[in-house]
Amino acid sequence: MACENTPVPEGMQYRDLPACNIARGYIHGNLQNGEANVNAHELTLGGIEAHNYTPDYSFGWSAEVYPDSLDFAEEEGTIGYLCPYNPHKTS
């Protein structure tokens, strides 16, 4: 994610995203075998549902977020995952 009017690097594309409620999941796992990445979406959805909300797929996106300090050479680490959700509680 970047601020408005941030230059887009050559060879890259951008997509303007509308404002929405976003759940942030923090997934700690094995970086070498993909465990953290593979499970990030489902674990974040589980957190949304555990708080009696629902994922909002109408926005058409979700995203992995990597902290600048993440060393992909390490065996384990923590990544972030963003997913829009519906702010209305389910019963």
PDB file of N, CA and C in Angstrom:
ATOM      1  N   MET A   1       0.842  -1.164   0.000  1.00  0.00           N
ATOM      2  CA  MET A   1       0.000   0.000   0.000  1.00  0.00           C
ATOM      3  C   MET A   1       0.891   1.231   0.000  1.00  0.00           C
ATOM      4  N   ALA A   2       0.402   2.233  -0.656  1.00  0.00           N
ATOM      5  CA  ALA A   2       1.176   3.463  -0.774  1.00  0.00           C
ATOM      6  C   ALA A   2       0.247   4.663  -0.687  1.00  0.00           C
ATOM      7  N   CYS A   3       0.821   5.774  -0.383  1.00  0.00           N
ATOM      8  CA  CYS A   3       0.061   7.027  -0.320  1.00  0.00           C
ATOM      9  C   CYS A   3      -0.345   7.450  -1.728  1.00  0.00           C
ATOM     10  N   GLU A   4      -1.401   8.230  -1.793  1.00  0.00           N
ATOM     11  CA  GLU A   4      -1.873   8.771  -3.065  1.00  0.00           C
ATOM     12  C   GLU A   4      -0.742   9.527  -3.767  1.00  0.00           C
ATOM     13  N   ASN A   5      -0.683   9.389  -5.077  1.00  0.00           N
ATOM     14  CA  ASN A   5       0.301  10.044  -5.951  1.00  0.00           C
ATOM     15  C   ASN A   5       1.724   9.508  -5.803  1.00  0.00           C
ATOM     16  N   THR A   6       1.883   8.349  -5.162  1.00  0.00           N
ATOM     17  CA  THR A   6       3.201   7.727  -5.095  1.00  0.00           C
ATOM     18  C   THR A   6       3.573   7.246  -6.494  1.00  0.00           C
ATOM     19  N   PRO A   7       4.780   7.547  -6.962  1.00  0.00           N
ATOM     20  CA  PRO A   7       5.172   7.071  -8.290  1.00  0.00           C
ATOM     21  C   PRO A   7       5.165   5.541  -8.346  1.00  0.00           C
ATOM     22  N   VAL A   8       4.686   4.998  -9.450  1.00  0.00           N
ATOM     23  CA  VAL A   8       4.630   3.557  -9.649  1.00  0.00           C
ATOM     24  C   VAL A   8       5.933   3.132 -10.323  1.00  0.00           C
ATOM     25  N   PRO A   9       6.676   2.209  -9.717  1.00  0.00           N
ATOM     26  CA  PRO A   9       7.930   1.768 -10.325  1.00  0.00           C
ATOM     27  C   PRO A   9       7.698   1.167 -11.716  1.00  0.00           C
ATOM     28  N   GLU A  10       8.665   1.348 -12.589  1.00  0.00           N
ATOM     29  CA  GLU A  10       8.576   0.817 -13.942  1.00  0.00           C
ATOM     30  C   GLU A  10       8.366  -0.699 -13.894  1.00  0.00           C
ATOM     31  N   GLY A  11       7.454  -1.171 -14.711  1.00  0.00           N
ATOM     32  CA  GLY A  11       7.153  -2.593 -14.769  1.00  0.00           C
ATOM     33  C   GLY A  11       6.104  -3.035 -13.760  1.00  0.00           C
ATOM     34  N   MET A  12       5.675  -2.119 -12.906  1.00  0.00           N
ATOM     35  CA  MET A  12       4.673  -2.438 -11.891  1.00  0.00           C
ATOM     36  C   MET A  12       3.343  -1.788 -12.280  1.00  0.00           C
ATOM     37  N   GLN A  13       2.275  -2.226 -11.629  1.00  0.00           N
ATOM     38  CA  GLN A  13       0.952  -1.653 -11.833  1.00  0.00           C
ATOM     39  C   GLN A  13       0.394  -1.237 -10.483  1.00  0.00           C
ATOM     40  N   TYR A  14      -0.632  -0.420 -10.502  1.00  0.00           N
ATOM     41  CA  TYR A  14      -1.283  -0.049  -9.255  1.00  0.00           C
ATOM     42  C   TYR A  14      -2.785  -0.210  -9.408  1.00  0.00           C
ATOM     43  N   ARG A  15      -3.453  -0.229  -8.297  1.00  0.00           N
ATOM     44  CA  ARG A  15      -4.908  -0.320  -8.260  1.00  0.00           C
ATOM     45  C   ARG A  15      -5.393   0.569  -7.134  1.00  0.00           C
ATOM     46  N   ASP A  16      -6.282   1.506  -7.457  1.00  0.00           N
ATOM     47  CA  ASP A  16      -6.888   2.345  -6.420  1.00  0.00           C
ATOM     48  C   ASP A  16      -7.917   1.507  -5.676  1.00  0.00           C
ATOM     49  N   LEU A  17      -7.834   1.497  -4.358  1.00  0.00           N
ATOM     50  CA  LEU A  17      -8.765   0.724  -3.539  1.00  0.00           C
ATOM     51  C   LEU A  17      -9.705   1.666  -2.805  1.00  0.00           C
ATOM     52  N   PRO A  18     -11.009   1.382  -2.832  1.00  0.00           N
ATOM     53  CA  PRO A  18     -11.938   2.213  -2.085  1.00  0.00           C
ATOM     54  C   PRO A  18     -11.781   1.988  -0.577  1.00  0.00           C
ATOM     55  N   ALA A  19     -12.212   2.971   0.186  1.00  0.00           N
ATOM     56  CA  ALA A  19     -12.173   2.846   1.647  1.00  0.00           C
ATOM     57  C   ALA A  19     -13.030   1.654   2.074  1.00  0.00           C
ATOM     58  N   CYS A  20     -12.541   0.922   3.070  1.00  0.00           N
ATOM     59  CA  CYS A  20     -13.287  -0.215   3.595  1.00  0.00           C
ATOM     60  C   CYS A  20     -12.717  -0.584   4.962  1.00  0.00           C
ATOM     61  N   ASN A  21     -13.446  -1.408   5.677  1.00  0.00           N
ATOM     62  CA  ASN A  21     -12.959  -1.944   6.946  1.00  0.00           C
ATOM     63  C   ASN A  21     -12.014  -3.094   6.639  1.00  0.00           C
ATOM     64  N   ILE A  22     -10.855  -3.095   7.280  1.00  0.00           N
ATOM     65  CA  ILE A  22      -9.842  -4.105   6.997  1.00  0.00           C
ATOM     66  C   ILE A  22      -9.440  -4.830   8.274  1.00  0.00           C
ATOM     67  N   ALA A  23      -9.463  -6.148   8.199  1.00  0.00           N
ATOM     68  CA  ALA A  23      -8.936  -6.977   9.290  1.00  0.00           C
ATOM     69  C   ALA A  23      -7.456  -7.208   9.006  1.00  0.00           C
ATOM     70  N   ARG A  24      -6.646  -7.139  10.064  1.00  0.00           N
ATOM     71  CA  ARG A  24      -5.211  -7.418   9.949  1.00  0.00           C
ATOM     72  C   ARG A  24      -4.894  -8.680  10.718  1.00  0.00           C
ATOM     73  N   GLY A  25      -4.395  -9.656  10.012  1.00  0.00           N
ATOM     74  CA  GLY A  25      -3.952 -10.883  10.646  1.00  0.00           C
ATOM     75  C   GLY A  25      -2.434 -10.884  10.696  1.00  0.00           C
ATOM     76  N   TYR A  26      -1.873 -11.431  11.763  1.00  0.00           N
ATOM     77  CA  TYR A  26      -0.429 -11.601  11.877  1.00  0.00           C
ATOM     78  C   TYR A  26      -0.170 -13.093  11.975  1.00  0.00           C
ATOM     79  N   ILE A  27       0.516 -13.616  10.977  1.00  0.00           N
ATOM     80  CA  ILE A  27       0.717 -15.046  10.883  1.00  0.00           C
ATOM     81  C   ILE A  27       2.191 -15.361  11.074  1.00  0.00           C
ATOM     82  N   HIS A  28       2.470 -16.174  12.091  1.00  0.00           N
ATOM     83  CA  HIS A  28       3.841 -16.590  12.363  1.00  0.00           C
ATOM     84  C   HIS A  28       3.973 -18.036  11.914  1.00  0.00           C
ATOM     85  N   GLY A  29       4.994 -18.296  11.128  1.00  0.00           N
ATOM     86  CA  GLY A  29       5.185 -19.662  10.678  1.00  0.00           C
ATOM     87  C   GLY A  29       6.471 -19.821   9.904  1.00  0.00           C
ATOM     88  N   ASN A  30       6.603 -20.964   9.291  1.00  0.00           N
ATOM     89  CA  ASN A  30       7.792 -21.307   8.537  1.00  0.00           C
ATOM     90  C   ASN A  30       7.799 -20.534   7.225  1.00  0.00           C
ATOM     91  N   LEU A  31       8.859 -19.781   6.995  1.00  0.00           N
ATOM     92  CA  LEU A  31       8.993 -19.007   5.764  1.00  0.00           C
ATOM     93  C   LEU A  31       9.596 -19.844   4.642  1.00  0.00           C
ATOM     94  N   GLN A  32      10.317 -20.887   4.998  1.00  0.00           N
ATOM     95  CA  GLN A  32      11.011 -21.678   3.993  1.00  0.00           C
ATOM     96  C   GLN A  32      10.097 -22.654   3.266  1.00  0.00           C
ATOM     97  N   ASN A  33       9.114 -23.183   3.961  1.00  0.00           N
ATOM     98  CA  ASN A  33       8.213 -24.142   3.308  1.00  0.00           C
ATOM     99  C   ASN A  33       6.875 -23.509   2.916  1.00  0.00           C
ATOM    100  N   GLY A  34       6.729 -22.201   3.111  1.00  0.00           N
ATOM    101  CA  GLY A  34       5.516 -21.498   2.702  1.00  0.00           C
ATOM    102  C   GLY A  34       4.367 -21.594   3.686  1.00  0.00           C
ATOM    103  N   GLU A  35       4.591 -22.198   4.854  1.00  0.00           N
ATOM    104  CA  GLU A  35       3.524 -22.395   5.834  1.00  0.00           C
ATOM    105  C   GLU A  35       2.804 -21.080   6.178  1.00  0.00           C
ATOM    106  N   ALA A  36       3.566 -20.025   6.426  1.00  0.00           N
ATOM    107  CA  ALA A  36       2.960 -18.749   6.809  1.00  0.00           C
ATOM    108  C   ALA A  36       2.098 -18.202   5.672  1.00  0.00           C
ATOM    109  N   ASN A  37       2.611 -18.240   4.459  1.00  0.00           N
ATOM    110  CA  ASN A  37       1.881 -17.695   3.315  1.00  0.00           C
ATOM    111  C   ASN A  37       0.640 -18.511   2.976  1.00  0.00           C
ATOM    112  N   VAL A  38       0.771 -19.813   2.969  1.00  0.00           N
ATOM    113  CA  VAL A  38      -0.329 -20.686   2.584  1.00  0.00           C
ATOM    114  C   VAL A  38      -1.508 -20.548   3.550  1.00  0.00           C
ATOM    115  N   ASN A  39      -1.227 -20.367   4.823  1.00  0.00           N
ATOM    116  CA  ASN A  39      -2.288 -20.334   5.833  1.00  0.00           C
ATOM    117  C   ASN A  39      -2.799 -18.932   6.159  1.00  0.00           C
ATOM    118  N   ALA A  40      -2.168 -17.906   5.644  1.00  0.00           N
ATOM    119  CA  ALA A  40      -2.507 -16.530   6.021  1.00  0.00           C
ATOM    120  C   ALA A  40      -3.968 -16.175   5.747  1.00  0.00           C
ATOM    121  N   HIS A  41      -4.461 -16.516   4.580  1.00  0.00           N
ATOM    122  CA  HIS A  41      -5.843 -16.152   4.220  1.00  0.00           C
ATOM    123  C   HIS A  41      -6.844 -16.830   5.144  1.00  0.00           C
ATOM    124  N   GLU A  42      -6.735 -18.142   5.271  1.00  0.00           N
ATOM    125  CA  GLU A  42      -7.698 -18.882   6.094  1.00  0.00           C
ATOM    126  C   GLU A  42      -7.627 -18.482   7.568  1.00  0.00           C
ATOM    127  N   LEU A  43      -6.431 -18.251   8.084  1.00  0.00           N
ATOM    128  CA  LEU A  43      -6.305 -17.844   9.482  1.00  0.00           C
ATOM    129  C   LEU A  43      -6.915 -16.463   9.717  1.00  0.00           C
ATOM    130  N   THR A  44      -6.737 -15.554   8.779  1.00  0.00           N
ATOM    131  CA  THR A  44      -7.320 -14.211   8.923  1.00  0.00           C
ATOM    132  C   THR A  44      -8.842 -14.294   8.826  1.00  0.00           C
ATOM    133  N   LEU A  45      -9.352 -15.096   7.905  1.00  0.00           N
ATOM    134  CA  LEU A  45     -10.807 -15.286   7.825  1.00  0.00           C
ATOM    135  C   LEU A  45     -11.346 -15.865   9.130  1.00  0.00           C
ATOM    136  N   GLY A  46     -10.611 -16.798   9.717  1.00  0.00           N
ATOM    137  CA  GLY A  46     -11.026 -17.369  10.991  1.00  0.00           C
ATOM    138  C   GLY A  46     -11.104 -16.319  12.084  1.00  0.00           C
ATOM    139  N   GLY A  47     -10.161 -15.384  12.090  1.00  0.00           N
ATOM    140  CA  GLY A  47     -10.199 -14.297  13.068  1.00  0.00           C
ATOM    141  C   GLY A  47     -11.385 -13.374  12.854  1.00  0.00           C
ATOM    142  N   ILE A  48     -11.687 -13.088  11.602  1.00  0.00           N
ATOM    143  CA  ILE A  48     -12.858 -12.248  11.288  1.00  0.00           C
ATOM    144  C   ILE A  48     -14.119 -12.921  11.810  1.00  0.00           C
ATOM    145  N   GLU A  49     -14.276 -14.184  11.489  1.00  0.00           N
ATOM    146  CA  GLU A  49     -15.475 -14.927  11.897  1.00  0.00           C
ATOM    147  C   GLU A  49     -15.538 -15.132  13.411  1.00  0.00           C
ATOM    148  N   ALA A  50     -14.391 -15.271  14.064  1.00  0.00           N
ATOM    149  CA  ALA A  50     -14.363 -15.440  15.521  1.00  0.00           C
ATOM    150  C   ALA A  50     -14.889 -14.198  16.232  1.00  0.00           C
ATOM    151  N   HIS A  51     -14.821 -13.054  15.568  1.00  0.00           N
ATOM    152  CA  HIS A  51     -15.343 -11.810  16.140  1.00  0.00           C
ATOM    153  C   HIS A  51     -16.753 -11.503  15.628  1.00  0.00           C
ATOM    154  N   ASN A  52     -17.392 -12.507  15.027  1.00  0.00           N
ATOM    155  CA  ASN A  52     -18.763 -12.426  14.520  1.00  0.00           C
ATOM    156  C   ASN A  52     -18.942 -11.407  13.402  1.00  0.00           C
ATOM    157  N   TYR A  53     -17.938 -11.274  12.557  1.00  0.00           N
ATOM    158  CA  TYR A  53     -18.037 -10.473  11.343  1.00  0.00           C
ATOM    159  C   TYR A  53     -17.937 -11.433  10.165  1.00  0.00           C
ATOM    160  N   THR A  54     -18.134 -10.916   8.963  1.00  0.00           N
ATOM    161  CA  THR A  54     -17.992 -11.731   7.770  1.00  0.00           C
ATOM    162  C   THR A  54     -17.000 -11.070   6.814  1.00  0.00           C
ATOM    163  N   PRO A  55     -16.230 -11.864   6.085  1.00  0.00           N
ATOM    164  CA  PRO A  55     -15.347 -11.293   5.068  1.00  0.00           C
ATOM    165  C   PRO A  55     -16.194 -10.593   4.011  1.00  0.00           C
ATOM    166  N   ASP A  56     -15.666  -9.536   3.436  1.00  0.00           N
ATOM    167  CA  ASP A  56     -16.389  -8.807   2.391  1.00  0.00           C
ATOM    168  C   ASP A  56     -15.636  -8.985   1.073  1.00  0.00           C
ATOM    169  N   TYR A  57     -16.092  -9.924   0.274  1.00  0.00           N
ATOM    170  CA  TYR A  57     -15.429 -10.236  -0.986  1.00  0.00           C
ATOM    171  C   TYR A  57     -15.780  -9.252  -2.094  1.00  0.00           C
ATOM    172  N   SER A  58     -16.707  -8.329  -1.840  1.00  0.00           N
ATOM    173  CA  SER A  58     -17.127  -7.396  -2.883  1.00  0.00           C
ATOM    174  C   SER A  58     -16.008  -6.459  -3.323  1.00  0.00           C
ATOM    175  N   PHE A  59     -14.979  -6.307  -2.496  1.00  0.00           N
ATOM    176  CA  PHE A  59     -13.874  -5.423  -2.858  1.00  0.00           C
ATOM    177  C   PHE A  59     -12.880  -6.111  -3.794  1.00  0.00           C
ATOM    178  N   GLY A  60     -12.906  -7.432  -3.843  1.00  0.00           N
ATOM    179  CA  GLY A  60     -12.098  -8.179  -4.790  1.00  0.00           C
ATOM    180  C   GLY A  60     -10.608  -8.222  -4.518  1.00  0.00           C
ATOM    181  N   TRP A  61     -10.231  -8.101  -3.260  1.00  0.00           N
ATOM    182  CA  TRP A  61      -8.797  -8.179  -2.955  1.00  0.00           C
ATOM    183  C   TRP A  61      -8.576  -8.608  -1.521  1.00  0.00           C
ATOM    184  N   SER A  62      -7.411  -9.106  -1.273  1.00  0.00           N
ATOM    185  CA  SER A  62      -6.819  -9.308   0.046  1.00  0.00           C
ATOM    186  C   SER A  62      -5.321  -9.268  -0.217  1.00  0.00           C
ATOM    187  N   ALA A  63      -4.503  -9.100   0.814  1.00  0.00           N
ATOM    188  CA  ALA A  63      -3.081  -8.887   0.542  1.00  0.00           C
ATOM    189  C   ALA A  63      -2.190  -9.378   1.667  1.00  0.00           C
ATOM    190  N   GLU A  64      -1.063  -9.952   1.281  1.00  0.00           N
ATOM    191  CA  GLU A  64       0.002 -10.262   2.229  1.00  0.00           C
ATOM    192  C   GLU A  64       0.817  -8.992   2.429  1.00  0.00           C
ATOM    193  N   VAL A  65       1.296  -8.785   3.653  1.00  0.00           N
ATOM    194  CA  VAL A  65       2.107  -7.612   3.969  1.00  0.00           C
ATOM    195  C   VAL A  65       3.382  -8.090   4.650  1.00  0.00           C
ATOM    196  N   TYR A  66       4.495  -7.640   4.133  1.00  0.00           N
ATOM    197  CA  TYR A  66       5.789  -8.065   4.660  1.00  0.00           C
ATOM    198  C   TYR A  66       6.488  -6.890   5.323  1.00  0.00           C
ATOM    199  N   PRO A  67       6.814  -7.001   6.601  1.00  0.00           N
ATOM    200  CA  PRO A  67       7.541  -5.918   7.272  1.00  0.00           C
ATOM    201  C   PRO A  67       8.930  -5.747   6.660  1.00  0.00           C
ATOM    202  N   ASP A  68       9.417  -4.512   6.642  1.00  0.00           N
ATOM    203  CA  ASP A  68      10.748  -4.235   6.109  1.00  0.00           C
ATOM    204  C   ASP A  68      11.818  -5.054   6.815  1.00  0.00           C
ATOM    205  N   SER A  69      11.585  -5.358   8.077  1.00  0.00           N
ATOM    206  CA  SER A  69      12.589  -6.074   8.869  1.00  0.00           C
ATOM    207  C   SER A  69      12.582  -7.591   8.643  1.00  0.00           C
ATOM    208  N   LEU A  70      11.645  -8.088   7.848  1.00  0.00           N
ATOM    209  CA  LEU A  70      11.542  -9.534   7.649  1.00  0.00           C
ATOM    210  C   LEU A  70      12.731 -10.050   6.849  1.00  0.00           C
ATOM    211  N   ASP A  71      13.384 -11.048   7.370  1.00  0.00           N
ATOM    212  CA  ASP A  71      14.517 -11.673   6.703  1.00  0.00           C
ATOM    213  C   ASP A  71      14.041 -13.013   6.142  1.00  0.00           C
ATOM    214  N   PHE A  72      13.862 -13.075   4.835  1.00  0.00           N
ATOM    215  CA  PHE A  72      13.337 -14.285   4.215  1.00  0.00           C
ATOM    216  C   PHE A  72      14.302 -15.458   4.289  1.00  0.00           C
ATOM    217  N   ALA A  73      15.535 -15.200   4.690  1.00  0.00           N
ATOM    218  CA  ALA A  73      16.505 -16.286   4.862  1.00  0.00           C
ATOM    219  C   ALA A  73      16.260 -17.049   6.168  1.00  0.00           C
ATOM    220  N   GLU A  74      15.561 -16.423   7.114  1.00  0.00           N
ATOM    221  CA  GLU A  74      15.248 -17.078   8.393  1.00  0.00           C
ATOM    222  C   GLU A  74      14.240 -18.196   8.163  1.00  0.00           C
ATOM    223  N   GLU A  75      14.279 -19.191   9.042  1.00  0.00           N
ATOM    224  CA  GLU A  75      13.340 -20.301   8.904  1.00  0.00           C
ATOM    225  C   GLU A  75      11.920 -19.875   9.276  1.00  0.00           C
ATOM    226  N   GLU A  76      11.770 -19.090  10.349  1.00  0.00           N
ATOM    227  CA  GLU A  76      10.450 -18.658  10.797  1.00  0.00           C
ATOM    228  C   GLU A  76      10.361 -17.138  10.809  1.00  0.00           C
ATOM    229  N   GLY A  77       9.139 -16.662  10.660  1.00  0.00           N
ATOM    230  CA  GLY A  77       8.917 -15.224  10.713  1.00  0.00           C
ATOM    231  C   GLY A  77       7.436 -14.922  10.761  1.00  0.00           C
ATOM    232  N   THR A  78       7.109 -13.648  10.860  1.00  0.00           N
ATOM    233  CA  THR A  78       5.721 -13.207  10.942  1.00  0.00           C
ATOM    234  C   THR A  78       5.413 -12.296   9.770  1.00  0.00           C
ATOM    235  N   ILE A  79       4.333 -12.631   9.056  1.00  0.00           N
ATOM    236  CA  ILE A  79       3.848 -11.774   7.980  1.00  0.00           C
ATOM    237  C   ILE A  79       2.497 -11.219   8.389  1.00  0.00           C
ATOM    238  N   GLY A  80       2.065 -10.203   7.689  1.00  0.00           N
ATOM    239  CA  GLY A  80       0.733  -9.648   7.911  1.00  0.00           C
ATOM    240  C   GLY A  80      -0.178 -10.044   6.760  1.00  0.00           C
ATOM    241  N   TYR A  81      -1.472 -10.012   7.016  1.00  0.00           N
ATOM    242  CA  TYR A  81      -2.444 -10.304   5.971  1.00  0.00           C
ATOM    243  C   TYR A  81      -3.621  -9.364   6.165  1.00  0.00           C
ATOM    244  N   LEU A  82      -4.043  -8.725   5.094  1.00  0.00           N
ATOM    245  CA  LEU A  82      -5.160  -7.782   5.131  1.00  0.00           C
ATOM    246  C   LEU A  82      -6.341  -8.351   4.361  1.00  0.00           C
ATOM    247  N   CYS A  83      -7.527  -8.193   4.923  1.00  0.00           N
ATOM    248  CA  CYS A  83      -8.731  -8.706   4.270  1.00  0.00           C
ATOM    249  C   CYS A  83      -9.913  -7.803   4.636  1.00  0.00           C
ATOM    250  N   PRO A  84     -10.637  -7.262   3.643  1.00  0.00           N
ATOM    251  CA  PRO A  84     -11.827  -6.474   3.944  1.00  0.00           C
ATOM    252  C   PRO A  84     -12.879  -7.319   4.663  1.00  0.00           C
ATOM    253  N   TYR A  85     -13.616  -6.666   5.549  1.00  0.00           N
ATOM    254  CA  TYR A  85     -14.692  -7.380   6.241  1.00  0.00           C
ATOM    255  C   TYR A  85     -15.906  -6.497   6.365  1.00  0.00           C
ATOM    256  N   ASN A  86     -17.047  -7.142   6.586  1.00  0.00           N
ATOM    257  CA  ASN A  86     -18.317  -6.442   6.780  1.00  0.00           C
ATOM    258  C   ASN A  86     -18.412  -6.071   8.251  1.00  0.00           C
ATOM    259  N   PRO A  87     -18.597  -4.766   8.563  1.00  0.00           N
ATOM    260  CA  PRO A  87     -18.586  -4.344   9.959  1.00  0.00           C
ATOM    261  C   PRO A  87     -19.858  -4.688  10.739  1.00  0.00           C
ATOM    262  N   HIS A  88     -20.835  -5.299  10.089  1.00  0.00           N
ATOM    263  CA  HIS A  88     -22.069  -5.645  10.788  1.00  0.00           C
ATOM    264  C   HIS A  88     -21.939  -7.022  11.409  1.00  0.00           C
ATOM    265  N   LYS A  89     -22.143  -7.080  12.711  1.00  0.00           N
ATOM    266  CA  LYS A  89     -22.023  -8.349  13.455  1.00  0.00           C
ATOM    267  C   LYS A  89     -23.048  -9.355  12.947  1.00  0.00           C
ATOM    268  N   THR A  90     -22.626 -10.624  12.921  1.00  0.00           N
ATOM    269  CA  THR A  90     -23.563 -11.707  12.596  1.00  0.00           C
ATOM    270  C   THR A  90     -24.192 -12.154  13.911  1.00  0.00           C
ATOM    271  N   SER A  91     -25.303 -12.863  13.800  1.00  0.00           N
ATOM    272  CA  SER A  91     -25.951 -13.319  15.046  1.00  0.00           C
ATOM    273  C   SER A  91     -25.434 -14.643  15.487  1.00  0.00           C
TER     274      SER A  91
END
